[in-house]
């Protein structure tokens, strides 16, 4: 069995949209008000890990489709980058969705969807493991599509005869329905006190009515 390294280097990967929706359901926040670097530091410090890097991934609406949230994410990501985080963003893909109203009528609307974010996270987690860039990969997400990445990390650890861990972190509260982390990972549940201690002091929202998709 490979010896545990000391200190353990951690890289923290954020799925920005997944974290936002989890925090909205758990704590009722209506926009992504978290500070990823503060959250990464809090989790790393709590477990005695040495924070090596913060990587943030999110979809961003085009200015023409949703100027409010385009402004929000453009400014938030720019500030994160200036503070040393690695940023990966892609334009949201918009599709028409149809819902049936209680009276039987149908209503169609444009819905922005992320494409490729989970794939990019998976590629980076695996690639950086092969490069021996970390000992612990912490993913702020509950996306079960990433469970295969956790299995791959175990294979890499055996192949390189070294100690590797993958953990998934996510907000929880008494009203949270999905309390599971990513399969094959250690689960790190973020409570309200921890989350609120890591709020971003900056509000990147423009002074206008918001669109529908952060």
Protein backbone atom coordinates (compact mmCIF):
# COMPACT_ATOMS: atom_id res chain seq x y z
CA UNK A 1 0.00 0.00 0.00
CA UNK A 2 1.33 3.43 -0.99
CA UNK A 3 2.29 5.72 1.87
CA UNK A 4 0.16 8.80 2.49
CA UNK A 5 2.06 11.95 1.52
CA UNK A 6 2.57 14.76 3.97
CA UNK A 7 1.52 17.39 3.30
CA UNK A 8 -1.23 16.40 0.87
CA UNK A 9 -1.54 18.74 -2.12
CA UNK A 10 -5.13 19.54 -3.07
CA UNK A 11 -6.56 20.95 -6.29
CA UNK A 12 -10.18 22.11 -6.00
CA UNK A 13 -12.41 21.94 -9.08
CA UNK A 14 -15.66 23.94 -9.12
CA UNK A 15 -18.66 23.20 -11.33
CA UNK A 16 -20.06 26.71 -10.90
CA UNK A 17 -23.62 26.01 -12.03
CA UNK A 18 -23.89 22.78 -10.04
CA UNK A 19 -22.71 24.54 -6.89
CA UNK A 20 -25.08 27.46 -7.43
CA UNK A 21 -28.14 25.23 -7.82
CA UNK A 22 -27.17 23.15 -4.77
CA UNK A 23 -26.76 26.32 -2.67
CA UNK A 24 -30.07 27.68 -3.97
CA UNK A 25 -31.93 24.53 -2.94
CA UNK A 26 -30.12 24.22 0.40
CA UNK A 27 -29.96 27.85 1.54
CA UNK A 28 -32.36 29.80 -0.70
CA UNK A 29 -29.79 32.07 -2.32
CA UNK A 30 -30.95 33.53 -5.63
CA UNK A 31 -27.61 34.13 -7.32
CA UNK A 32 -24.08 32.63 -7.17
CA UNK A 33 -22.82 34.57 -4.16
CA UNK A 34 -20.03 32.16 -3.14
CA UNK A 35 -16.31 32.88 -3.14
CA UNK A 36 -14.65 29.77 -4.68
CA UNK A 37 -11.19 30.58 -3.31
CA UNK A 38 -12.57 31.02 0.22
CA UNK A 39 -14.53 27.75 -0.04
CA UNK A 40 -11.49 25.89 -1.38
CA UNK A 41 -9.36 27.24 1.47
CA UNK A 42 -11.98 26.36 4.10
CA UNK A 43 -12.27 22.75 2.92
CA UNK A 44 -8.52 22.32 2.56
CA UNK A 45 -7.77 23.80 5.97
CA UNK A 46 -10.45 21.68 7.64
CA UNK A 47 -8.79 18.51 6.34
CA UNK A 48 -5.16 19.57 6.71
CA UNK A 49 -4.57 19.72 2.95
CA UNK A 50 -2.23 22.14 1.21
CA UNK A 51 -4.24 24.08 -1.38
CA UNK A 52 -2.27 23.97 -4.63
CA UNK A 53 -4.77 25.38 -7.11
CA UNK A 54 -8.38 26.49 -7.57
CA UNK A 55 -10.04 25.74 -10.92
CA UNK A 56 -13.47 27.13 -11.81
CA UNK A 57 -15.73 25.94 -14.66
CA UNK A 58 -19.04 27.40 -15.79
CA UNK A 59 -21.28 28.14 -18.72
CA UNK A 60 -21.81 31.83 -19.50
CA UNK A 61 -24.70 33.25 -21.55
CA UNK A 62 -23.80 35.39 -24.56
CA UNK A 63 -24.36 39.12 -24.20
CA UNK A 64 -27.08 39.08 -26.88
CA UNK A 65 -29.01 36.29 -25.15
CA UNK A 66 -28.84 37.48 -21.54
CA UNK A 67 -26.90 40.71 -20.90
CA UNK A 68 -27.57 40.66 -17.14
CA UNK A 69 -25.96 37.29 -16.42
CA UNK A 70 -23.31 37.78 -19.10
CA UNK A 71 -22.21 40.88 -17.17
CA UNK A 72 -22.33 39.02 -13.84
CA UNK A 73 -20.22 36.05 -14.92
CA UNK A 74 -17.77 38.06 -17.00
CA UNK A 75 -16.91 40.25 -14.03
CA UNK A 76 -16.93 37.46 -11.44
CA UNK A 77 -14.64 35.27 -13.55
CA UNK A 78 -12.28 38.15 -14.30
CA UNK A 79 -11.91 38.89 -10.59
CA UNK A 80 -11.32 35.20 -9.83
CA UNK A 81 -8.64 35.05 -12.50
CA UNK A 82 -6.87 38.09 -11.08
CA UNK A 83 -6.78 36.32 -7.72
CA UNK A 84 -5.03 33.31 -9.22
CA UNK A 85 -7.82 30.86 -10.03
CA UNK A 86 -7.75 28.93 -13.30
CA UNK A 87 -10.92 29.71 -15.28
CA UNK A 88 -12.71 27.65 -17.92
CA UNK A 89 -15.97 28.94 -19.42
CA UNK A 90 -18.15 28.09 -22.38
CA UNK A 91 -21.17 29.77 -23.94
CA UNK A 92 -24.52 28.37 -22.91
CA UNK A 93 -26.49 26.55 -25.61
CA UNK A 94 -30.10 27.73 -25.88
CA UNK A 95 -32.97 25.42 -26.74
CA UNK A 96 -36.74 25.87 -26.93
CA UNK A 97 -38.56 24.08 -24.12
CA UNK A 98 -42.30 23.57 -23.88
CA UNK A 99 -44.30 23.29 -20.64
CA UNK A 100 -47.98 22.52 -20.29
CA UNK A 101 -49.86 25.04 -18.14
CA UNK A 102 -52.57 23.98 -15.65
CA UNK A 103 -55.33 24.98 -18.10
CA UNK A 104 -53.90 22.75 -20.81
CA UNK A 105 -52.23 25.47 -22.88
CA UNK A 106 -48.58 25.12 -23.82
CA UNK A 107 -45.89 27.71 -23.21
CA UNK A 108 -42.50 27.69 -24.93
CA UNK A 109 -39.38 29.43 -23.67
CA UNK A 110 -35.65 29.51 -24.30
CA UNK A 111 -33.55 27.62 -21.76
CA UNK A 112 -29.78 27.95 -21.48
CA UNK A 113 -27.91 24.66 -21.00
CA UNK A 114 -24.28 23.90 -20.27
CA UNK A 115 -22.48 21.67 -22.74
CA UNK A 116 -19.03 20.22 -22.16
CA UNK A 117 -18.33 21.52 -18.66
CA UNK A 118 -18.43 18.11 -16.98
CA UNK A 119 -16.29 16.67 -19.79
CA UNK A 120 -13.68 19.42 -19.32
CA UNK A 121 -13.59 18.82 -15.56
CA UNK A 122 -13.17 15.08 -16.13
CA UNK A 123 -10.31 15.62 -18.58
CA UNK A 124 -8.50 17.98 -16.22
CA UNK A 125 -8.93 15.82 -13.10
CA UNK A 126 -7.53 12.79 -14.93
CA UNK A 127 -4.81 14.70 -16.77
CA UNK A 128 -3.52 16.43 -13.66
CA UNK A 129 -3.52 13.11 -11.79
CA UNK A 130 -1.26 11.60 -14.46
CA UNK A 131 1.01 14.63 -14.11
CA UNK A 132 1.24 14.06 -10.34
CA UNK A 133 -0.04 17.60 -9.79
CA UNK A 134 -2.08 16.75 -6.69
CA UNK A 135 -2.76 14.15 -4.01
CA UNK A 136 -6.39 15.15 -3.42
CA UNK A 137 -8.89 16.25 -6.06
CA UNK A 138 -11.89 18.03 -4.53
CA UNK A 139 -14.83 18.58 -6.87
CA UNK A 140 -17.61 20.95 -5.88
CA UNK A 141 -20.35 19.02 -7.66
CA UNK A 142 -22.86 16.21 -7.23
CA UNK A 143 -22.83 15.26 -10.91
CA UNK A 144 -22.83 11.46 -11.02
CA UNK A 145 -21.41 11.58 -14.55
CA UNK A 146 -18.10 12.18 -12.77
CA UNK A 147 -18.25 8.89 -10.86
CA UNK A 148 -16.28 7.19 -13.65
CA UNK A 149 -13.53 9.75 -13.10
CA UNK A 150 -13.27 8.60 -9.49
CA UNK A 151 -12.79 5.01 -10.65
CA UNK A 152 -10.11 6.18 -13.09
CA UNK A 153 -8.30 8.02 -10.29
CA UNK A 154 -8.12 4.74 -8.36
CA UNK A 155 -6.61 3.05 -11.41
CA UNK A 156 -4.03 5.83 -11.76
CA UNK A 157 -3.09 5.48 -8.09
CA UNK A 158 -2.46 1.77 -8.58
CA UNK A 159 -0.56 2.35 -11.83
CA UNK A 160 1.72 4.97 -10.26
CA UNK A 161 1.90 3.21 -6.89
CA UNK A 162 0.97 6.33 -5.00
CA UNK A 163 -1.71 7.65 -2.67
CA UNK A 164 -4.57 9.53 -4.37
CA UNK A 165 -7.95 10.67 -3.13
CA UNK A 166 -10.99 12.21 -4.83
CA UNK A 167 -13.69 14.00 -2.82
CA UNK A 168 -16.93 15.74 -3.75
CA UNK A 169 -18.11 18.78 -1.79
CA UNK A 170 -21.61 20.26 -1.83
CA UNK A 171 -24.01 22.36 0.29
CA UNK A 172 -26.59 20.65 2.49
CA UNK A 173 -29.34 21.79 4.86
CA UNK A 174 -32.38 20.19 6.50
CA UNK A 175 -34.38 20.83 3.30
CA UNK A 176 -31.82 19.31 0.93
CA UNK A 177 -33.28 16.36 -0.97
CA UNK A 178 -30.11 15.13 -2.70
CA UNK A 179 -27.61 14.49 0.09
CA UNK A 180 -25.33 12.22 -1.93
CA UNK A 181 -21.93 13.14 -3.27
CA UNK A 182 -20.36 11.64 -6.37
CA UNK A 183 -20.12 7.86 -6.18
CA UNK A 184 -16.66 6.43 -5.38
CA UNK A 185 -15.55 9.70 -3.73
CA UNK A 186 -15.35 10.97 -0.16
CA UNK A 187 -18.34 13.19 0.56
CA UNK A 188 -17.79 16.62 2.11
CA UNK A 189 -21.05 18.27 3.16
CA UNK A 190 -20.95 22.07 3.41
CA UNK A 191 -23.29 23.48 6.07
CA UNK A 192 -24.81 26.95 6.13
CA UNK A 193 -22.26 28.36 8.58
CA UNK A 194 -19.32 27.25 6.44
CA UNK A 195 -20.94 28.51 3.24
CA UNK A 196 -21.87 31.87 4.75
CA UNK A 197 -18.31 32.34 6.00
CA UNK A 198 -17.20 32.08 2.35
CA UNK A 199 -19.53 34.57 0.68
CA UNK A 200 -18.05 36.81 -1.98
CA UNK A 201 -18.03 40.40 -0.64
CA UNK A 202 -18.44 41.68 -4.21
CA UNK A 203 -21.81 41.76 -5.96
CA UNK A 204 -21.25 41.53 -9.71
CA UNK A 205 -24.90 41.99 -10.69
CA UNK A 206 -25.67 45.06 -12.80
CA UNK A 207 -28.39 47.38 -11.60
CA UNK A 208 -31.08 45.96 -13.89
CA UNK A 209 -33.72 43.24 -13.87
CA UNK A 210 -32.11 39.79 -14.08
CA UNK A 211 -32.70 37.22 -16.78
CA UNK A 212 -33.72 33.66 -16.04
CA UNK A 213 -30.40 31.77 -16.00
CA UNK A 214 -27.41 32.62 -13.79
